[in-house]
Amino acid sequence: MTKRLLAVFASVAVLSLFAAGISPATAGDQGKSRQLMTQQERNEFQSRMRSAKTSEEQEQIRRENHQLMQERSKTQGGSGKGSGGGKKGK
């Protein structure tokens, strides 16, 4: 019963991400980016995403923000995706 309940909760979480326009693959990246952004930057990003008229516009905004966060991560000593960093032990 507990395993089944956990599976239902996991499914609801994934469906919630899709409904919000977030792919589960990028959800973890958003947590890292969120730490690099000020509240004002997060508000502006969300506003831009909401005002985008097409999914292509949203994807472009996401890509621009991702690039900015990668650059910011590098300058702050982080290891963003593609910056040459990786998991410890590898």
PDB file of N, CA and C in Angstrom:
ATOM      1  N   MET A   1       0.826  -1.191   0.000  1.00  0.00           N
ATOM      2  CA  MET A   1       0.000   0.000   0.000  1.00  0.00           C
ATOM      3  C   MET A   1       0.874   1.260   0.000  1.00  0.00           C
ATOM      4  N   THR A   2       1.925   1.284   0.830  1.00  0.00           N
ATOM      5  CA  THR A   2       2.782   2.459   0.926  1.00  0.00           C
ATOM      6  C   THR A   2       3.504   2.716  -0.388  1.00  0.00           C
ATOM      7  N   LYS A   3       3.999   1.659  -1.029  1.00  0.00           N
ATOM      8  CA  LYS A   3       4.688   1.822  -2.309  1.00  0.00           C
ATOM      9  C   LYS A   3       3.741   2.381  -3.367  1.00  0.00           C
ATOM     10  N   ARG A   4       2.525   1.912  -3.333  1.00  0.00           N
ATOM     11  CA  ARG A   4       1.539   2.385  -4.309  1.00  0.00           C
ATOM     12  C   ARG A   4       1.220   3.865  -4.070  1.00  0.00           C
ATOM     13  N   LEU A   5       1.101   4.254  -2.835  1.00  0.00           N
ATOM     14  CA  LEU A   5       0.825   5.647  -2.484  1.00  0.00           C
ATOM     15  C   LEU A   5       1.979   6.550  -2.909  1.00  0.00           C
ATOM     16  N   LEU A   6       3.210   6.091  -2.690  1.00  0.00           N
ATOM     17  CA  LEU A   6       4.376   6.859  -3.116  1.00  0.00           C
ATOM     18  C   LEU A   6       4.408   7.004  -4.636  1.00  0.00           C
ATOM     19  N   ALA A   7       4.043   5.951  -5.337  1.00  0.00           N
ATOM     20  CA  ALA A   7       4.009   6.011  -6.797  1.00  0.00           C
ATOM     21  C   ALA A   7       2.971   7.024  -7.270  1.00  0.00           C
ATOM     22  N   VAL A   8       1.841   7.081  -6.598  1.00  0.00           N
ATOM     23  CA  VAL A   8       0.802   8.054  -6.948  1.00  0.00           C
ATOM     24  C   VAL A   8       1.311   9.470  -6.710  1.00  0.00           C
ATOM     25  N   PHE A   9       1.961   9.712  -5.569  1.00  0.00           N
ATOM     26  CA  PHE A   9       2.496  11.038  -5.264  1.00  0.00           C
ATOM     27  C   PHE A   9       3.572  11.445  -6.271  1.00  0.00           C
ATOM     28  N   ALA A  10       4.425  10.514  -6.650  1.00  0.00           N
ATOM     29  CA  ALA A  10       5.466  10.809  -7.638  1.00  0.00           C
ATOM     30  C   ALA A  10       4.841  11.166  -8.985  1.00  0.00           C
ATOM     31  N   SER A  11       3.811  10.434  -9.364  1.00  0.00           N
ATOM     32  CA  SER A  11       3.126  10.723 -10.627  1.00  0.00           C
ATOM     33  C   SER A  11       2.482  12.096 -10.603  1.00  0.00           C
ATOM     34  N   VAL A  12       1.866  12.441  -9.490  1.00  0.00           N
ATOM     35  CA  VAL A  12       1.234  13.758  -9.354  1.00  0.00           C
ATOM     36  C   VAL A  12       2.294  14.853  -9.436  1.00  0.00           C
ATOM     37  N   ALA A  13       3.449  14.635  -8.826  1.00  0.00           N
ATOM     38  CA  ALA A  13       4.524  15.629  -8.865  1.00  0.00           C
ATOM     39  C   ALA A  13       5.005  15.849 -10.289  1.00  0.00           C
ATOM     40  N   VAL A  14       5.212  14.783 -11.029  1.00  0.00           N
ATOM     41  CA  VAL A  14       5.672  14.895 -12.418  1.00  0.00           C
ATOM     42  C   VAL A  14       4.622  15.588 -13.276  1.00  0.00           C
ATOM     43  N   LEU A  15       3.365  15.207 -13.101  1.00  0.00           N
ATOM     44  CA  LEU A  15       2.300  15.843 -13.876  1.00  0.00           C
ATOM     45  C   LEU A  15       2.182  17.325 -13.533  1.00  0.00           C
ATOM     46  N   SER A  16       2.419  17.676 -12.285  1.00  0.00           N
ATOM     47  CA  SER A  16       2.386  19.084 -11.880  1.00  0.00           C
ATOM     48  C   SER A  16       3.484  19.873 -12.576  1.00  0.00           C
ATOM     49  N   LEU A  17       4.661  19.271 -12.707  1.00  0.00           N
ATOM     50  CA  LEU A  17       5.763  19.934 -13.409  1.00  0.00           C
ATOM     51  C   LEU A  17       5.396  20.175 -14.867  1.00  0.00           C
ATOM     52  N   PHE A  18       4.829  19.157 -15.511  1.00  0.00           N
ATOM     53  CA  PHE A  18       4.438  19.310 -16.911  1.00  0.00           C
ATOM     54  C   PHE A  18       3.364  20.391 -17.049  1.00  0.00           C
ATOM     55  N   ALA A  19       2.399  20.399 -16.134  1.00  0.00           N
ATOM     56  CA  ALA A  19       1.332  21.401 -16.188  1.00  0.00           C
ATOM     57  C   ALA A  19       1.901  22.808 -16.023  1.00  0.00           C
ATOM     58  N   ALA A  20       2.987  22.939 -15.262  1.00  0.00           N
ATOM     59  CA  ALA A  20       3.623  24.240 -15.067  1.00  0.00           C
ATOM     60  C   ALA A  20       4.582  24.578 -16.201  1.00  0.00           C
ATOM     61  N   GLY A  21       4.723  23.677 -17.162  1.00  0.00           N
ATOM     62  CA  GLY A  21       5.612  23.932 -18.293  1.00  0.00           C
ATOM     63  C   GLY A  21       7.067  23.643 -17.982  1.00  0.00           C
ATOM     64  N   ILE A  22       7.309  22.788 -16.994  1.00  0.00           N
ATOM     65  CA  ILE A  22       8.668  22.445 -16.588  1.00  0.00           C
ATOM     66  C   ILE A  22       8.884  20.973 -16.855  1.00  0.00           C
ATOM     67  N   SER A  23       9.947  20.642 -17.560  1.00  0.00           N
ATOM     68  CA  SER A  23      10.234  19.229 -17.755  1.00  0.00           C
ATOM     69  C   SER A  23      10.968  18.713 -16.528  1.00  0.00           C
ATOM     70  N   PRO A  24      10.692  17.492 -16.103  1.00  0.00           N
ATOM     71  CA  PRO A  24      11.368  16.940 -14.934  1.00  0.00           C
ATOM     72  C   PRO A  24      12.886  16.940 -15.075  1.00  0.00           C
ATOM     73  N   ALA A  25      13.380  16.846 -16.308  1.00  0.00           N
ATOM     74  CA  ALA A  25      14.827  16.821 -16.526  1.00  0.00           C
ATOM     75  C   ALA A  25      15.473  18.154 -16.157  1.00  0.00           C
ATOM     76  N   THR A  26      14.740  19.251 -16.304  1.00  0.00           N
ATOM     77  CA  THR A  26      15.316  20.561 -16.005  1.00  0.00           C
ATOM     78  C   THR A  26      14.903  21.090 -14.645  1.00  0.00           C
ATOM     79  N   ALA A  27      14.026  20.390 -13.959  1.00  0.00           N
ATOM     80  CA  ALA A  27      13.559  20.880 -12.667  1.00  0.00           C
ATOM     81  C   ALA A  27      14.708  21.038 -11.683  1.00  0.00           C
ATOM     82  N   GLY A  28      15.646  20.120 -11.668  1.00  0.00           N
ATOM     83  CA  GLY A  28      16.797  20.221 -10.762  1.00  0.00           C
ATOM     84  C   GLY A  28      17.674  21.406 -11.106  1.00  0.00           C
ATOM     85  N   ASP A  29      17.841  21.682 -12.397  1.00  0.00           N
ATOM     86  CA  ASP A  29      18.634  22.831 -12.824  1.00  0.00           C
ATOM     87  C   ASP A  29      18.009  24.119 -12.345  1.00  0.00           C
ATOM     88  N   GLN A  30      16.684  24.167 -12.311  1.00  0.00           N
ATOM     89  CA  GLN A  30      16.021  25.386 -11.877  1.00  0.00           C
ATOM     90  C   GLN A  30      16.312  25.681 -10.421  1.00  0.00           C
ATOM     91  N   GLY A  31      16.455  24.657  -9.605  1.00  0.00           N
ATOM     92  CA  GLY A  31      16.795  24.875  -8.203  1.00  0.00           C
ATOM     93  C   GLY A  31      18.157  25.517  -8.072  1.00  0.00           C
ATOM     94  N   LYS A  32      19.113  25.084  -8.885  1.00  0.00           N
ATOM     95  CA  LYS A  32      20.454  25.657  -8.855  1.00  0.00           C
ATOM     96  C   LYS A  32      20.433  27.087  -9.358  1.00  0.00           C
ATOM     97  N   SER A  33      19.689  27.328 -10.440  1.00  0.00           N
ATOM     98  CA  SER A  33      19.598  28.675 -10.993  1.00  0.00           C
ATOM     99  C   SER A  33      18.928  29.615 -10.002  1.00  0.00           C
ATOM    100  N   ARG A  34      17.945  29.106  -9.327  1.00  0.00           N
ATOM    101  CA  ARG A  34      17.202  29.920  -8.352  1.00  0.00           C
ATOM    102  C   ARG A  34      18.137  30.477  -7.286  1.00  0.00           C
ATOM    103  N   GLN A  35      19.136  29.701  -6.897  1.00  0.00           N
ATOM    104  CA  GLN A  35      20.081  30.149  -5.877  1.00  0.00           C
ATOM    105  C   GLN A  35      20.973  31.265  -6.395  1.00  0.00           C
ATOM    106  N   LEU A  36      21.125  31.366  -7.703  1.00  0.00           N
ATOM    107  CA  LEU A  36      21.998  32.371  -8.298  1.00  0.00           C
ATOM    108  C   LEU A  36      21.258  33.660  -8.645  1.00  0.00           C
ATOM    109  N   MET A  37      19.937  33.662  -8.508  1.00  0.00           N
ATOM    110  CA  MET A  37      19.126  34.816  -8.906  1.00  0.00           C
ATOM    111  C   MET A  37      18.600  35.564  -7.692  1.00  0.00           C
ATOM    112  N   THR A  38      18.470  36.876  -7.838  1.00  0.00           N
ATOM    113  CA  THR A  38      17.826  37.663  -6.790  1.00  0.00           C
ATOM    114  C   THR A  38      16.317  37.484  -6.915  1.00  0.00           C
ATOM    115  N   GLN A  39      15.581  37.877  -5.903  1.00  0.00           N
ATOM    116  CA  GLN A  39      14.120  37.775  -5.964  1.00  0.00           C
ATOM    117  C   GLN A  39      13.581  38.601  -7.129  1.00  0.00           C
ATOM    118  N   GLN A  40      14.161  39.769  -7.354  1.00  0.00           N
ATOM    119  CA  GLN A  40      13.715  40.614  -8.468  1.00  0.00           C
ATOM    120  C   GLN A  40      13.956  39.912  -9.806  1.00  0.00           C
ATOM    121  N   GLU A  41      15.104  39.261  -9.965  1.00  0.00           N
ATOM    122  CA  GLU A  41      15.394  38.533 -11.210  1.00  0.00           C
ATOM    123  C   GLU A  41      14.419  37.376 -11.402  1.00  0.00           C
ATOM    124  N   ARG A  42      14.102  36.673 -10.322  1.00  0.00           N
ATOM    125  CA  ARG A  42      13.136  35.572 -10.424  1.00  0.00           C
ATOM    126  C   ARG A  42      11.771  36.100 -10.844  1.00  0.00           C
ATOM    127  N   ASN A  43      11.358  37.225 -10.247  1.00  0.00           N
ATOM    128  CA  ASN A  43      10.065  37.819 -10.596  1.00  0.00           C
ATOM    129  C   ASN A  43      10.032  38.234 -12.069  1.00  0.00           C
ATOM    130  N   GLU A  44      11.117  38.851 -12.545  1.00  0.00           N
ATOM    131  CA  GLU A  44      11.185  39.271 -13.944  1.00  0.00           C
ATOM    132  C   GLU A  44      11.151  38.068 -14.884  1.00  0.00           C
ATOM    133  N   PHE A  45      11.884  37.012 -14.524  1.00  0.00           N
ATOM    134  CA  PHE A  45      11.899  35.799 -15.339  1.00  0.00           C
ATOM    135  C   PHE A  45      10.492  35.206 -15.425  1.00  0.00           C
ATOM    136  N   GLN A  46       9.819  35.103 -14.278  1.00  0.00           N
ATOM    137  CA  GLN A  46       8.468  34.543 -14.265  1.00  0.00           C
ATOM    138  C   GLN A  46       7.504  35.402 -15.082  1.00  0.00           C
ATOM    139  N   SER A  47       7.660  36.705 -14.982  1.00  0.00           N
ATOM    140  CA  SER A  47       6.812  37.615 -15.744  1.00  0.00           C
ATOM    141  C   SER A  47       7.033  37.444 -17.244  1.00  0.00           C
ATOM    142  N   ARG A  48       8.302  37.329 -17.654  1.00  0.00           N
ATOM    143  CA  ARG A  48       8.615  37.117 -19.068  1.00  0.00           C
ATOM    144  C   ARG A  48       8.029  35.793 -19.558  1.00  0.00           C
ATOM    145  N   MET A  49       8.143  34.749 -18.728  1.00  0.00           N
ATOM    146  CA  MET A  49       7.609  33.440 -19.121  1.00  0.00           C
ATOM    147  C   MET A  49       6.092  33.509 -19.291  1.00  0.00           C
ATOM    148  N   ARG A  50       5.420  34.203 -18.372  1.00  0.00           N
ATOM    149  CA  ARG A  50       3.961  34.307 -18.451  1.00  0.00           C
ATOM    150  C   ARG A  50       3.508  35.117 -19.664  1.00  0.00           C
ATOM    151  N   SER A  51       4.299  36.116 -20.027  1.00  0.00           N
ATOM    152  CA  SER A  51       3.886  36.981 -21.139  1.00  0.00           C
ATOM    153  C   SER A  51       4.261  36.403 -22.507  1.00  0.00           C
ATOM    154  N   ALA A  52       5.055  35.350 -22.539  1.00  0.00           N
ATOM    155  CA  ALA A  52       5.421  34.718 -23.813  1.00  0.00           C
ATOM    156  C   ALA A  52       4.157  34.172 -24.470  1.00  0.00           C
ATOM    157  N   LYS A  53       4.047  34.395 -25.755  1.00  0.00           N
ATOM    158  CA  LYS A  53       2.834  33.996 -26.463  1.00  0.00           C
ATOM    159  C   LYS A  53       2.876  32.567 -26.988  1.00  0.00           C
ATOM    160  N   THR A  54       4.070  32.026 -27.166  1.00  0.00           N
ATOM    161  CA  THR A  54       4.192  30.661 -27.697  1.00  0.00           C
ATOM    162  C   THR A  54       5.173  29.860 -26.849  1.00  0.00           C
ATOM    163  N   SER A  55       5.121  28.564 -27.012  1.00  0.00           N
ATOM    164  CA  SER A  55       6.065  27.704 -26.295  1.00  0.00           C
ATOM    165  C   SER A  55       7.485  27.940 -26.810  1.00  0.00           C
ATOM    166  N   GLU A  56       7.603  28.339 -28.077  1.00  0.00           N
ATOM    167  CA  GLU A  56       8.928  28.641 -28.627  1.00  0.00           C
ATOM    168  C   GLU A  56       9.531  29.868 -27.935  1.00  0.00           C
ATOM    169  N   GLU A  57       8.688  30.877 -27.675  1.00  0.00           N
ATOM    170  CA  GLU A  57       9.166  32.061 -26.956  1.00  0.00           C
ATOM    171  C   GLU A  57       9.606  31.684 -25.542  1.00  0.00           C
ATOM    172  N   GLN A  58       8.819  30.836 -24.889  1.00  0.00           N
ATOM    173  CA  GLN A  58       9.187  30.385 -23.545  1.00  0.00           C
ATOM    174  C   GLN A  58      10.516  29.646 -23.564  1.00  0.00           C
ATOM    175  N   GLU A  59      10.695  28.796 -24.553  1.00  0.00           N
ATOM    176  CA  GLU A  59      11.944  28.035 -24.648  1.00  0.00           C
ATOM    177  C   GLU A  59      13.123  28.967 -24.871  1.00  0.00           C
ATOM    178  N   GLN A  60      12.955  30.007 -25.675  1.00  0.00           N
ATOM    179  CA  GLN A  60      14.027  30.974 -25.906  1.00  0.00           C
ATOM    180  C   GLN A  60      14.375  31.715 -24.612  1.00  0.00           C
ATOM    181  N   ILE A  61      13.368  32.107 -23.866  1.00  0.00           N
ATOM    182  CA  ILE A  61      13.591  32.788 -22.584  1.00  0.00           C
ATOM    183  C   ILE A  61      14.332  31.855 -21.637  1.00  0.00           C
ATOM    184  N   ARG A  62      13.912  30.582 -21.601  1.00  0.00           N
ATOM    185  CA  ARG A  62      14.576  29.585 -20.751  1.00  0.00           C
ATOM    186  C   ARG A  62      16.042  29.429 -21.132  1.00  0.00           C
ATOM    187  N   ARG A  63      16.302  29.329 -22.445  1.00  0.00           N
ATOM    188  CA  ARG A  63      17.688  29.168 -22.909  1.00  0.00           C
ATOM    189  C   ARG A  63      18.544  30.370 -22.535  1.00  0.00           C
ATOM    190  N   GLU A  64      18.006  31.577 -22.723  1.00  0.00           N
ATOM    191  CA  GLU A  64      18.752  32.792 -22.373  1.00  0.00           C
ATOM    192  C   GLU A  64      19.067  32.815 -20.886  1.00  0.00           C
ATOM    193  N   ASN A  65      18.069  32.475 -20.073  1.00  0.00           N
ATOM    194  CA  ASN A  65      18.269  32.467 -18.632  1.00  0.00           C
ATOM    195  C   ASN A  65      19.276  31.394 -18.227  1.00  0.00           C
ATOM    196  N   HIS A  66      19.189  30.238 -18.865  1.00  0.00           N
ATOM    197  CA  HIS A  66      20.108  29.148 -18.558  1.00  0.00           C
ATOM    198  C   HIS A  66      21.549  29.562 -18.869  1.00  0.00           C
ATOM    199  N   GLN A  67      21.740  30.202 -20.016  1.00  0.00           N
ATOM    200  CA  GLN A  67      23.083  30.667 -20.399  1.00  0.00           C
ATOM    201  C   GLN A  67      23.595  31.679 -19.384  1.00  0.00           C
ATOM    202  N   LEU A  68      22.745  32.616 -18.993  1.00  0.00           N
ATOM    203  CA  LEU A  68      23.138  33.625 -18.005  1.00  0.00           C
ATOM    204  C   LEU A  68      23.532  32.969 -16.677  1.00  0.00           C
ATOM    205  N   MET A  69      22.759  31.973 -16.257  1.00  0.00           N
ATOM    206  CA  MET A  69      23.043  31.308 -14.983  1.00  0.00           C
ATOM    207  C   MET A  69      24.320  30.467 -15.074  1.00  0.00           C
ATOM    208  N   GLN A  70      24.588  29.877 -16.240  1.00  0.00           N
ATOM    209  CA  GLN A  70      25.841  29.138 -16.417  1.00  0.00           C
ATOM    210  C   GLN A  70      27.028  30.078 -16.274  1.00  0.00           C
ATOM    211  N   GLU A  71      26.931  31.229 -16.920  1.00  0.00           N
ATOM    212  CA  GLU A  71      28.018  32.205 -16.836  1.00  0.00           C
ATOM    213  C   GLU A  71      28.192  32.708 -15.408  1.00  0.00           C
ATOM    214  N   ARG A  72      27.084  32.974 -14.742  1.00  0.00           N
ATOM    215  CA  ARG A  72      27.144  33.445 -13.361  1.00  0.00           C
ATOM    216  C   ARG A  72      27.746  32.376 -12.455  1.00  0.00           C
ATOM    217  N   SER A  73      27.383  31.131 -12.690  1.00  0.00           N
ATOM    218  CA  SER A  73      27.914  30.029 -11.893  1.00  0.00           C
ATOM    219  C   SER A  73      29.428  29.919 -12.057  1.00  0.00           C
ATOM    220  N   LYS A  74      29.896  30.083 -13.286  1.00  0.00           N
ATOM    221  CA  LYS A  74      31.341  30.012 -13.536  1.00  0.00           C
ATOM    222  C   LYS A  74      32.079  31.134 -12.819  1.00  0.00           C
ATOM    223  N   THR A  75      31.529  32.340 -12.861  1.00  0.00           N
ATOM    224  CA  THR A  75      32.207  33.480 -12.222  1.00  0.00           C
ATOM    225  C   THR A  75      32.170  33.374 -10.710  1.00  0.00           C
ATOM    226  N   GLN A  76      31.178  32.642 -10.177  1.00  0.00           N
ATOM    227  CA  GLN A  76      31.077  32.475  -8.731  1.00  0.00           C
ATOM    228  C   GLN A  76      31.719  31.172  -8.260  1.00  0.00           C
ATOM    229  N   GLY A  77      32.423  30.494  -9.161  1.00  0.00           N
ATOM    230  CA  GLY A  77      33.137  29.281  -8.779  1.00  0.00           C
ATOM    231  C   GLY A  77      32.297  28.031  -8.783  1.00  0.00           C
ATOM    232  N   GLY A  78      31.102  28.096  -9.365  1.00  0.00           N
ATOM    233  CA  GLY A  78      30.250  26.908  -9.429  1.00  0.00           C
ATOM    234  C   GLY A  78      30.640  26.017 -10.578  1.00  0.00           C
ATOM    235  N   SER A  79      29.941  24.934 -10.717  1.00  0.00           N
ATOM    236  CA  SER A  79      30.217  24.027 -11.838  1.00  0.00           C
ATOM    237  C   SER A  79      28.912  23.731 -12.548  1.00  0.00           C
ATOM    238  N   GLY A  80      28.403  24.716 -13.280  1.00  0.00           N
ATOM    239  CA  GLY A  80      27.181  24.542 -14.030  1.00  0.00           C
ATOM    240  C   GLY A  80      27.344  23.519 -15.127  1.00  0.00           C
ATOM    241  N   LYS A  81      26.234  23.041 -15.657  1.00  0.00           N
ATOM    242  CA  LYS A  81      26.258  22.049 -16.720  1.00  0.00           C
ATOM    243  C   LYS A  81      27.083  22.573 -17.887  1.00  0.00           C
ATOM    244  N   GLY A  82      28.035  21.805 -18.346  1.00  0.00           N
ATOM    245  CA  GLY A  82      28.837  22.204 -19.488  1.00  0.00           C
ATOM    246  C   GLY A  82      30.013  23.087 -19.131  1.00  0.00           C
ATOM    247  N   SER A  83      30.228  23.348 -17.843  1.00  0.00           N
ATOM    248  CA  SER A  83      31.321  24.246 -17.462  1.00  0.00           C
ATOM    249  C   SER A  83      32.601  23.486 -17.132  1.00  0.00           C
ATOM    250  N   GLY A  84      32.588  22.181 -17.384  1.00  0.00           N
ATOM    251  CA  GLY A  84      33.770  21.388 -17.086  1.00  0.00           C
ATOM    252  C   GLY A  84      33.692  20.767 -15.713  1.00  0.00           C
ATOM    253  N   GLY A  85      32.695  21.149 -14.931  1.00  0.00           N
ATOM    254  CA  GLY A  85      32.526  20.556 -13.609  1.00  0.00           C
ATOM    255  C   GLY A  85      31.800  19.244 -13.724  1.00  0.00           C
ATOM    256  N   GLY A  86      31.675  18.580 -12.656  1.00  0.00           N
ATOM    257  CA  GLY A  86      30.947  17.314 -12.712  1.00  0.00           C
ATOM    258  C   GLY A  86      30.729  16.785 -11.325  1.00  0.00           C
ATOM    259  N   LYS A  87      30.250  15.565 -11.265  1.00  0.00           N
ATOM    260  CA  LYS A  87      30.022  14.948  -9.971  1.00  0.00           C
ATOM    261  C   LYS A  87      31.335  14.602  -9.322  1.00  0.00           C
ATOM    262  N   LYS A  88      31.343  14.701  -8.011  1.00  0.00           N
ATOM    263  CA  LYS A  88      32.558  14.348  -7.275  1.00  0.00           C
ATOM    264  C   LYS A  88      32.829  12.876  -7.431  1.00  0.00           C
ATOM    265  N   GLY A  89      34.089  12.557  -7.501  1.00  0.00           N
ATOM    266  CA  GLY A  89      34.466  11.141  -7.577  1.00  0.00           C
ATOM    267  C   GLY A  89      34.605  10.650  -8.998  1.00  0.00           C
ATOM    268  N   LYS A  90      34.374  11.507  -9.959  1.00  0.00           N
ATOM    269  CA  LYS A  90      34.516  11.075 -11.355  1.00  0.00           C
ATOM    270  C   LYS A  90      35.637  11.794 -12.005  1.00  0.00           C
TER     271      LYS A  90
END
